[in-house]
Amino acid sequence: MKSRSESLIRLKKFQVDEKRRSVAQIEMMVADFERMASELDQQIEIEQQKTGISDVAHFAYSTFAKAAIARRDNLLASAADMRDQLEAAQDALAEAVEDLKKVELLDQREHGREVAAENKAEQDEYDEIGRLRHMRR
């Protein structure tokens, strides 16, 4: 019985660790997307200053700036999608942590019952020894 509960606890801990890694990975991806979008913003601003044209609708607007804007918008959209995935991953992590706590609590209860049964058996032995000694006198 003990090995089964220990195996279940190990499994739940593994699942929690996997969910934590997933959350951390998604957080890094969101941060990377936002960092790259910020760098593109800077490049767009530099290009607009170089050309002197900041109106995207202008016929002579820089094609590099247009491409950078499209890339930046795609990165920001991806970051928003990843935030949704992050929220789902955080929910899954919270659920996995709850499951682990439940299993650990059940294991503690079972262990407590085992200890209580052992203590009772030991006390019964002492009581029997004491009773036998008392009867001999």
N, C-alpha and C. Protein backbone atom coordinates (compact mmCIF):
# COMPACT_ATOMS: atom_id res chain seq x y z
N MET A 1 0.83 -1.19 0.00
CA MET A 1 0.00 0.00 0.00
C MET A 1 0.87 1.25 0.00
N LYS A 2 1.94 1.20 0.79
CA LYS A 2 2.80 2.36 0.92
C LYS A 2 3.46 2.71 -0.42
N SER A 3 3.96 1.70 -1.12
CA SER A 3 4.65 1.97 -2.38
C SER A 3 3.70 2.57 -3.42
N ARG A 4 2.42 2.17 -3.36
CA ARG A 4 1.46 2.72 -4.31
C ARG A 4 1.22 4.20 -4.05
N SER A 5 1.08 4.57 -2.77
CA SER A 5 0.86 5.99 -2.47
C SER A 5 2.12 6.80 -2.76
N GLU A 6 3.29 6.22 -2.50
CA GLU A 6 4.54 6.93 -2.82
C GLU A 6 4.67 7.13 -4.32
N SER A 7 4.31 6.11 -5.08
CA SER A 7 4.35 6.22 -6.55
C SER A 7 3.39 7.28 -7.04
N LEU A 8 2.21 7.32 -6.44
CA LEU A 8 1.21 8.32 -6.84
C LEU A 8 1.70 9.73 -6.50
N ILE A 9 2.33 9.88 -5.35
CA ILE A 9 2.88 11.20 -4.97
C ILE A 9 3.98 11.60 -5.95
N ARG A 10 4.86 10.66 -6.29
CA ARG A 10 5.93 10.97 -7.25
C ARG A 10 5.34 11.39 -8.60
N LEU A 11 4.30 10.67 -9.03
CA LEU A 11 3.65 11.01 -10.29
C LEU A 11 3.06 12.41 -10.24
N LYS A 12 2.37 12.72 -9.16
CA LYS A 12 1.75 14.05 -9.03
C LYS A 12 2.81 15.14 -8.98
N LYS A 13 3.93 14.88 -8.29
CA LYS A 13 5.02 15.87 -8.24
C LYS A 13 5.61 16.08 -9.63
N PHE A 14 5.76 14.99 -10.37
CA PHE A 14 6.26 15.09 -11.74
C PHE A 14 5.32 15.94 -12.59
N GLN A 15 4.02 15.70 -12.45
CA GLN A 15 3.03 16.46 -13.21
C GLN A 15 3.09 17.95 -12.85
N VAL A 16 3.24 18.25 -11.57
CA VAL A 16 3.36 19.64 -11.13
C VAL A 16 4.60 20.28 -11.74
N ASP A 17 5.72 19.55 -11.71
CA ASP A 17 6.97 20.09 -12.28
C ASP A 17 6.82 20.35 -13.78
N GLU A 18 6.17 19.43 -14.49
CA GLU A 18 5.94 19.62 -15.92
C GLU A 18 5.08 20.85 -16.19
N LYS A 19 4.06 21.04 -15.39
CA LYS A 19 3.18 22.20 -15.57
C LYS A 19 3.95 23.49 -15.26
N ARG A 20 4.80 23.45 -14.24
CA ARG A 20 5.61 24.64 -13.92
C ARG A 20 6.55 24.98 -15.08
N ARG A 21 7.17 23.95 -15.65
CA ARG A 21 8.07 24.19 -16.79
C ARG A 21 7.29 24.78 -17.96
N SER A 22 6.10 24.27 -18.18
CA SER A 22 5.28 24.77 -19.28
C SER A 22 4.92 26.24 -19.06
N VAL A 23 4.53 26.58 -17.84
CA VAL A 23 4.20 27.98 -17.52
C VAL A 23 5.42 28.87 -17.74
N ALA A 24 6.58 28.43 -17.25
CA ALA A 24 7.80 29.23 -17.39
C ALA A 24 8.16 29.40 -18.87
N GLN A 25 8.00 28.35 -19.65
CA GLN A 25 8.32 28.42 -21.07
C GLN A 25 7.40 29.42 -21.79
N ILE A 26 6.12 29.36 -21.49
CA ILE A 26 5.18 30.28 -22.12
C ILE A 26 5.47 31.72 -21.69
N GLU A 27 5.79 31.92 -20.41
CA GLU A 27 6.14 33.27 -19.94
C GLU A 27 7.35 33.80 -20.69
N MET A 28 8.34 32.95 -20.92
CA MET A 28 9.53 33.38 -21.66
C MET A 28 9.18 33.74 -23.10
N MET A 29 8.30 32.95 -23.71
CA MET A 29 7.91 33.24 -25.08
C MET A 29 7.18 34.57 -25.18
N VAL A 30 6.27 34.83 -24.25
CA VAL A 30 5.55 36.11 -24.24
C VAL A 30 6.54 37.26 -24.10
N ALA A 31 7.46 37.11 -23.16
CA ALA A 31 8.46 38.17 -22.94
C ALA A 31 9.32 38.38 -24.20
N ASP A 32 9.71 37.28 -24.85
CA ASP A 32 10.51 37.40 -26.08
C ASP A 32 9.73 38.10 -27.19
N PHE A 33 8.46 37.72 -27.36
CA PHE A 33 7.64 38.36 -28.39
C PHE A 33 7.51 39.86 -28.11
N GLU A 34 7.27 40.21 -26.86
CA GLU A 34 7.11 41.62 -26.52
C GLU A 34 8.42 42.39 -26.69
N ARG A 35 9.53 41.75 -26.35
CA ARG A 35 10.84 42.39 -26.53
C ARG A 35 11.12 42.62 -28.01
N MET A 36 10.84 41.60 -28.84
CA MET A 36 11.08 41.76 -30.29
C MET A 36 10.17 42.83 -30.87
N ALA A 37 8.92 42.92 -30.41
CA ALA A 37 8.00 43.95 -30.89
C ALA A 37 8.50 45.33 -30.50
N SER A 38 9.06 45.44 -29.30
CA SER A 38 9.61 46.72 -28.86
C SER A 38 10.81 47.12 -29.72
N GLU A 39 11.65 46.15 -30.04
CA GLU A 39 12.80 46.43 -30.91
C GLU A 39 12.34 46.87 -32.30
N LEU A 40 11.29 46.24 -32.80
CA LEU A 40 10.75 46.64 -34.10
C LEU A 40 10.17 48.05 -34.03
N ASP A 41 9.53 48.40 -32.92
CA ASP A 41 9.02 49.77 -32.74
C ASP A 41 10.17 50.77 -32.88
N GLN A 42 11.28 50.46 -32.25
CA GLN A 42 12.44 51.35 -32.32
C GLN A 42 12.96 51.45 -33.76
N GLN A 43 13.02 50.31 -34.45
CA GLN A 43 13.49 50.32 -35.84
C GLN A 43 12.54 51.11 -36.73
N ILE A 44 11.25 50.98 -36.48
CA ILE A 44 10.25 51.72 -37.27
C ILE A 44 10.44 53.22 -37.05
N GLU A 45 10.61 53.60 -35.80
CA GLU A 45 10.80 55.02 -35.48
C GLU A 45 12.07 55.56 -36.14
N ILE A 46 13.13 54.80 -36.10
CA ILE A 46 14.39 55.23 -36.73
C ILE A 46 14.19 55.39 -38.24
N GLU A 47 13.51 54.42 -38.85
CA GLU A 47 13.27 54.48 -40.30
C GLU A 47 12.40 55.69 -40.66
N GLN A 48 11.39 55.97 -39.83
CA GLN A 48 10.54 57.13 -40.09
C GLN A 48 11.34 58.43 -39.96
N GLN A 49 12.24 58.49 -39.01
CA GLN A 49 13.08 59.68 -38.85
C GLN A 49 14.03 59.85 -40.02
N LYS A 50 14.56 58.72 -40.51
CA LYS A 50 15.47 58.78 -41.66
C LYS A 50 14.77 59.29 -42.91
N THR A 51 13.57 58.76 -43.15
CA THR A 51 12.85 59.14 -44.38
C THR A 51 12.07 60.44 -44.21
N GLY A 52 11.75 60.79 -42.99
CA GLY A 52 10.97 61.99 -42.75
C GLY A 52 9.49 61.79 -43.01
N ILE A 53 9.08 60.55 -43.22
CA ILE A 53 7.67 60.26 -43.50
C ILE A 53 7.17 59.30 -42.42
N SER A 54 6.13 59.75 -41.68
CA SER A 54 5.58 58.91 -40.62
C SER A 54 4.15 58.46 -40.94
N ASP A 55 3.60 58.94 -42.04
CA ASP A 55 2.24 58.56 -42.44
C ASP A 55 2.31 57.27 -43.25
N VAL A 56 1.74 56.19 -42.69
CA VAL A 56 1.80 54.88 -43.34
C VAL A 56 1.08 54.91 -44.69
N ALA A 57 0.07 55.75 -44.83
CA ALA A 57 -0.70 55.82 -46.07
C ALA A 57 0.03 56.62 -47.17
N HIS A 58 1.10 57.30 -46.83
CA HIS A 58 1.84 58.11 -47.82
C HIS A 58 2.44 57.18 -48.87
N PHE A 59 2.41 57.61 -50.13
CA PHE A 59 2.89 56.76 -51.23
C PHE A 59 4.38 56.44 -51.13
N ALA A 60 5.16 57.28 -50.47
CA ALA A 60 6.60 57.07 -50.38
C ALA A 60 7.03 56.49 -49.03
N TYR A 61 6.06 56.02 -48.28
CA TYR A 61 6.40 55.45 -46.96
C TYR A 61 7.31 54.24 -47.16
N SER A 62 8.26 54.10 -46.27
CA SER A 62 9.28 53.05 -46.36
C SER A 62 8.67 51.64 -46.35
N THR A 63 9.10 50.83 -47.32
CA THR A 63 8.62 49.45 -47.35
C THR A 63 9.20 48.65 -46.18
N PHE A 64 10.41 49.01 -45.77
CA PHE A 64 10.99 48.35 -44.60
C PHE A 64 10.13 48.61 -43.37
N ALA A 65 9.69 49.88 -43.20
CA ALA A 65 8.85 50.23 -42.04
C ALA A 65 7.52 49.51 -42.11
N LYS A 66 6.93 49.39 -43.35
CA LYS A 66 5.67 48.67 -43.49
C LYS A 66 5.83 47.21 -43.10
N ALA A 67 6.92 46.61 -43.54
CA ALA A 67 7.17 45.21 -43.21
C ALA A 67 7.41 45.04 -41.71
N ALA A 68 8.13 45.99 -41.12
CA ALA A 68 8.40 45.93 -39.67
C ALA A 68 7.11 46.10 -38.87
N ILE A 69 6.22 46.96 -39.34
CA ILE A 69 4.93 47.15 -38.66
C ILE A 69 4.12 45.85 -38.72
N ALA A 70 4.10 45.22 -39.90
CA ALA A 70 3.36 43.96 -40.03
C ALA A 70 3.95 42.90 -39.11
N ARG A 71 5.27 42.83 -39.07
CA ARG A 71 5.94 41.84 -38.21
C ARG A 71 5.64 42.14 -36.74
N ARG A 72 5.71 43.42 -36.37
CA ARG A 72 5.42 43.81 -34.98
C ARG A 72 3.99 43.44 -34.59
N ASP A 73 3.05 43.73 -35.50
CA ASP A 73 1.65 43.40 -35.22
C ASP A 73 1.45 41.89 -35.06
N ASN A 74 2.15 41.12 -35.90
CA ASN A 74 2.07 39.66 -35.78
C ASN A 74 2.65 39.19 -34.44
N LEU A 75 3.75 39.78 -34.04
CA LEU A 75 4.37 39.41 -32.75
C LEU A 75 3.44 39.74 -31.58
N LEU A 76 2.81 40.92 -31.64
CA LEU A 76 1.91 41.30 -30.56
C LEU A 76 0.67 40.40 -30.53
N ALA A 77 0.19 39.99 -31.70
CA ALA A 77 -0.94 39.07 -31.75
C ALA A 77 -0.53 37.70 -31.19
N SER A 78 0.67 37.27 -31.53
CA SER A 78 1.18 36.01 -31.00
C SER A 78 1.34 36.08 -29.48
N ALA A 79 1.82 37.22 -28.99
CA ALA A 79 1.97 37.39 -27.55
C ALA A 79 0.61 37.33 -26.86
N ALA A 80 -0.40 37.92 -27.47
CA ALA A 80 -1.75 37.87 -26.89
C ALA A 80 -2.27 36.44 -26.87
N ASP A 81 -2.03 35.70 -27.95
CA ASP A 81 -2.43 34.29 -27.99
C ASP A 81 -1.69 33.49 -26.92
N MET A 82 -0.42 33.78 -26.75
CA MET A 82 0.38 33.07 -25.75
C MET A 82 -0.10 33.41 -24.34
N ARG A 83 -0.57 34.63 -24.14
CA ARG A 83 -1.11 34.99 -22.82
C ARG A 83 -2.34 34.15 -22.49
N ASP A 84 -3.16 33.87 -23.51
CA ASP A 84 -4.31 32.98 -23.31
C ASP A 84 -3.84 31.58 -22.93
N GLN A 85 -2.82 31.11 -23.65
CA GLN A 85 -2.26 29.79 -23.33
C GLN A 85 -1.63 29.80 -21.94
N LEU A 86 -1.02 30.91 -21.57
CA LEU A 86 -0.40 31.04 -20.25
C LEU A 86 -1.46 30.93 -19.16
N GLU A 87 -2.57 31.57 -19.37
CA GLU A 87 -3.65 31.51 -18.39
C GLU A 87 -4.15 30.07 -18.22
N ALA A 88 -4.31 29.38 -19.35
CA ALA A 88 -4.74 27.97 -19.29
C ALA A 88 -3.69 27.10 -18.60
N ALA A 89 -2.42 27.37 -18.89
CA ALA A 89 -1.34 26.59 -18.27
C ALA A 89 -1.27 26.87 -16.77
N GLN A 90 -1.50 28.12 -16.37
CA GLN A 90 -1.51 28.44 -14.94
C GLN A 90 -2.67 27.76 -14.23
N ASP A 91 -3.82 27.69 -14.89
CA ASP A 91 -4.97 26.98 -14.32
C ASP A 91 -4.65 25.49 -14.17
N ALA A 92 -4.01 24.92 -15.18
CA ALA A 92 -3.64 23.49 -15.12
C ALA A 92 -2.62 23.25 -14.01
N LEU A 93 -1.71 24.19 -13.83
CA LEU A 93 -0.72 24.07 -12.75
C LEU A 93 -1.42 24.12 -11.39
N ALA A 94 -2.33 25.05 -11.22
CA ALA A 94 -3.06 25.16 -9.95
C ALA A 94 -3.83 23.87 -9.66
N GLU A 95 -4.42 23.30 -10.69
CA GLU A 95 -5.17 22.06 -10.52
C GLU A 95 -4.23 20.91 -10.15
N ALA A 96 -3.07 20.86 -10.78
CA ALA A 96 -2.10 19.80 -10.48
C ALA A 96 -1.57 19.93 -9.05
N VAL A 97 -1.36 21.17 -8.60
CA VAL A 97 -0.90 21.39 -7.23
C VAL A 97 -1.97 20.94 -6.24
N GLU A 98 -3.22 21.24 -6.55
CA GLU A 98 -4.34 20.79 -5.70
C GLU A 98 -4.38 19.27 -5.60
N ASP A 99 -4.23 18.62 -6.76
CA ASP A 99 -4.24 17.15 -6.77
C ASP A 99 -3.10 16.60 -5.93
N LEU A 100 -1.93 17.20 -6.05
CA LEU A 100 -0.77 16.75 -5.26
C LEU A 100 -1.05 16.91 -3.78
N LYS A 101 -1.60 18.04 -3.39
CA LYS A 101 -1.90 18.27 -1.97
C LYS A 101 -2.90 17.25 -1.44
N LYS A 102 -3.90 16.93 -2.26
CA LYS A 102 -4.89 15.94 -1.84
C LYS A 102 -4.24 14.58 -1.61
N VAL A 103 -3.40 14.18 -2.54
CA VAL A 103 -2.73 12.88 -2.43
C VAL A 103 -1.81 12.86 -1.22
N GLU A 104 -1.07 13.96 -1.01
CA GLU A 104 -0.18 14.02 0.15
C GLU A 104 -0.97 13.99 1.45
N LEU A 105 -2.10 14.67 1.49
CA LEU A 105 -2.94 14.68 2.68
C LEU A 105 -3.48 13.27 2.97
N LEU A 106 -3.94 12.60 1.93
CA LEU A 106 -4.42 11.22 2.11
C LEU A 106 -3.30 10.31 2.60
N ASP A 107 -2.09 10.51 2.08
CA ASP A 107 -0.95 9.72 2.52
C ASP A 107 -0.63 10.00 3.98
N GLN A 108 -0.69 11.26 4.37
CA GLN A 108 -0.44 11.61 5.77
C GLN A 108 -1.48 10.98 6.68
N ARG A 109 -2.73 11.01 6.27
CA ARG A 109 -3.79 10.40 7.07
C ARG A 109 -3.55 8.90 7.22
N GLU A 110 -3.21 8.27 6.10
CA GLU A 110 -2.96 6.83 6.14
C GLU A 110 -1.76 6.52 7.04
N HIS A 111 -0.73 7.31 6.91
CA HIS A 111 0.46 7.12 7.76
C HIS A 111 0.09 7.33 9.22
N GLY A 112 -0.74 8.33 9.50
CA GLY A 112 -1.18 8.58 10.87
C GLY A 112 -1.97 7.40 11.42
N ARG A 113 -2.80 6.81 10.60
CA ARG A 113 -3.55 5.63 11.03
C ARG A 113 -2.61 4.46 11.33
N GLU A 114 -1.62 4.29 10.48
CA GLU A 114 -0.65 3.21 10.68
C GLU A 114 0.12 3.41 11.99
N VAL A 115 0.55 4.65 12.22
CA VAL A 115 1.29 4.95 13.45
C VAL A 115 0.39 4.72 14.66
N ALA A 116 -0.85 5.17 14.57
CA ALA A 116 -1.78 4.97 15.69
C ALA A 116 -2.01 3.49 15.95
N ALA A 117 -2.14 2.69 14.89
CA ALA A 117 -2.34 1.25 15.06
C ALA A 117 -1.11 0.61 15.68
N GLU A 118 0.08 1.05 15.24
CA GLU A 118 1.32 0.52 15.82
C GLU A 118 1.42 0.89 17.30
N ASN A 119 1.11 2.14 17.61
CA ASN A 119 1.15 2.59 19.00
C ASN A 119 0.15 1.82 19.86
N LYS A 120 -1.03 1.58 19.32
CA LYS A 120 -2.04 0.83 20.07
C LYS A 120 -1.57 -0.60 20.31
N ALA A 121 -0.99 -1.23 19.29
CA ALA A 121 -0.49 -2.60 19.45
C ALA A 121 0.62 -2.65 20.50
N GLU A 122 1.50 -1.66 20.45
CA GLU A 122 2.58 -1.60 21.43
C GLU A 122 2.03 -1.40 22.84
N GLN A 123 1.06 -0.50 22.96
CA GLN A 123 0.45 -0.26 24.26
C GLN A 123 -0.28 -1.50 24.77
N ASP A 124 -0.95 -2.22 23.88
CA ASP A 124 -1.62 -3.46 24.26
C ASP A 124 -0.61 -4.48 24.79
N GLU A 125 0.57 -4.53 24.13
CA GLU A 125 1.61 -5.45 24.62
C GLU A 125 2.06 -5.05 26.02
N TYR A 126 2.30 -3.77 26.23
CA TYR A 126 2.72 -3.30 27.56
C TYR A 126 1.65 -3.58 28.61
N ASP A 127 0.39 -3.35 28.22
CA ASP A 127 -0.71 -3.62 29.15
C ASP A 127 -0.76 -5.10 29.52
N GLU A 128 -0.54 -5.95 28.52
CA GLU A 128 -0.55 -7.39 28.77
C GLU A 128 0.61 -7.78 29.68
N ILE A 129 1.79 -7.21 29.46
CA ILE A 129 2.94 -7.48 30.32
C ILE A 129 2.64 -7.03 31.74
N GLY A 130 2.09 -5.84 31.88
CA GLY A 130 1.74 -5.31 33.19
C GLY A 130 0.69 -6.17 33.87
N ARG A 131 -0.29 -6.63 33.14
CA ARG A 131 -1.34 -7.48 33.69
C ARG A 131 -0.76 -8.82 34.16
N LEU A 132 0.14 -9.38 33.36
CA LEU A 132 0.76 -10.66 33.73
C LEU A 132 1.63 -10.50 34.98
N ARG A 133 2.36 -9.42 35.07
CA ARG A 133 3.19 -9.16 36.25
C ARG A 133 2.34 -9.00 37.50
N HIS A 134 1.25 -8.28 37.31
CA HIS A 134 0.36 -8.04 38.43
C HIS A 134 -0.27 -9.37 38.93
N MET A 135 -0.56 -10.26 38.00
CA MET A 135 -1.18 -11.52 38.35
C MET A 135 -0.18 -12.45 39.08
N ARG A 136 1.09 -12.32 38.81
CA ARG A 136 2.12 -13.16 39.43
C ARG A 136 2.31 -12.79 40.90
N ARG A 137 2.07 -11.60 41.27
CA ARG A 137 2.29 -11.13 42.64
C ARG A 137 1.26 -11.61 43.56
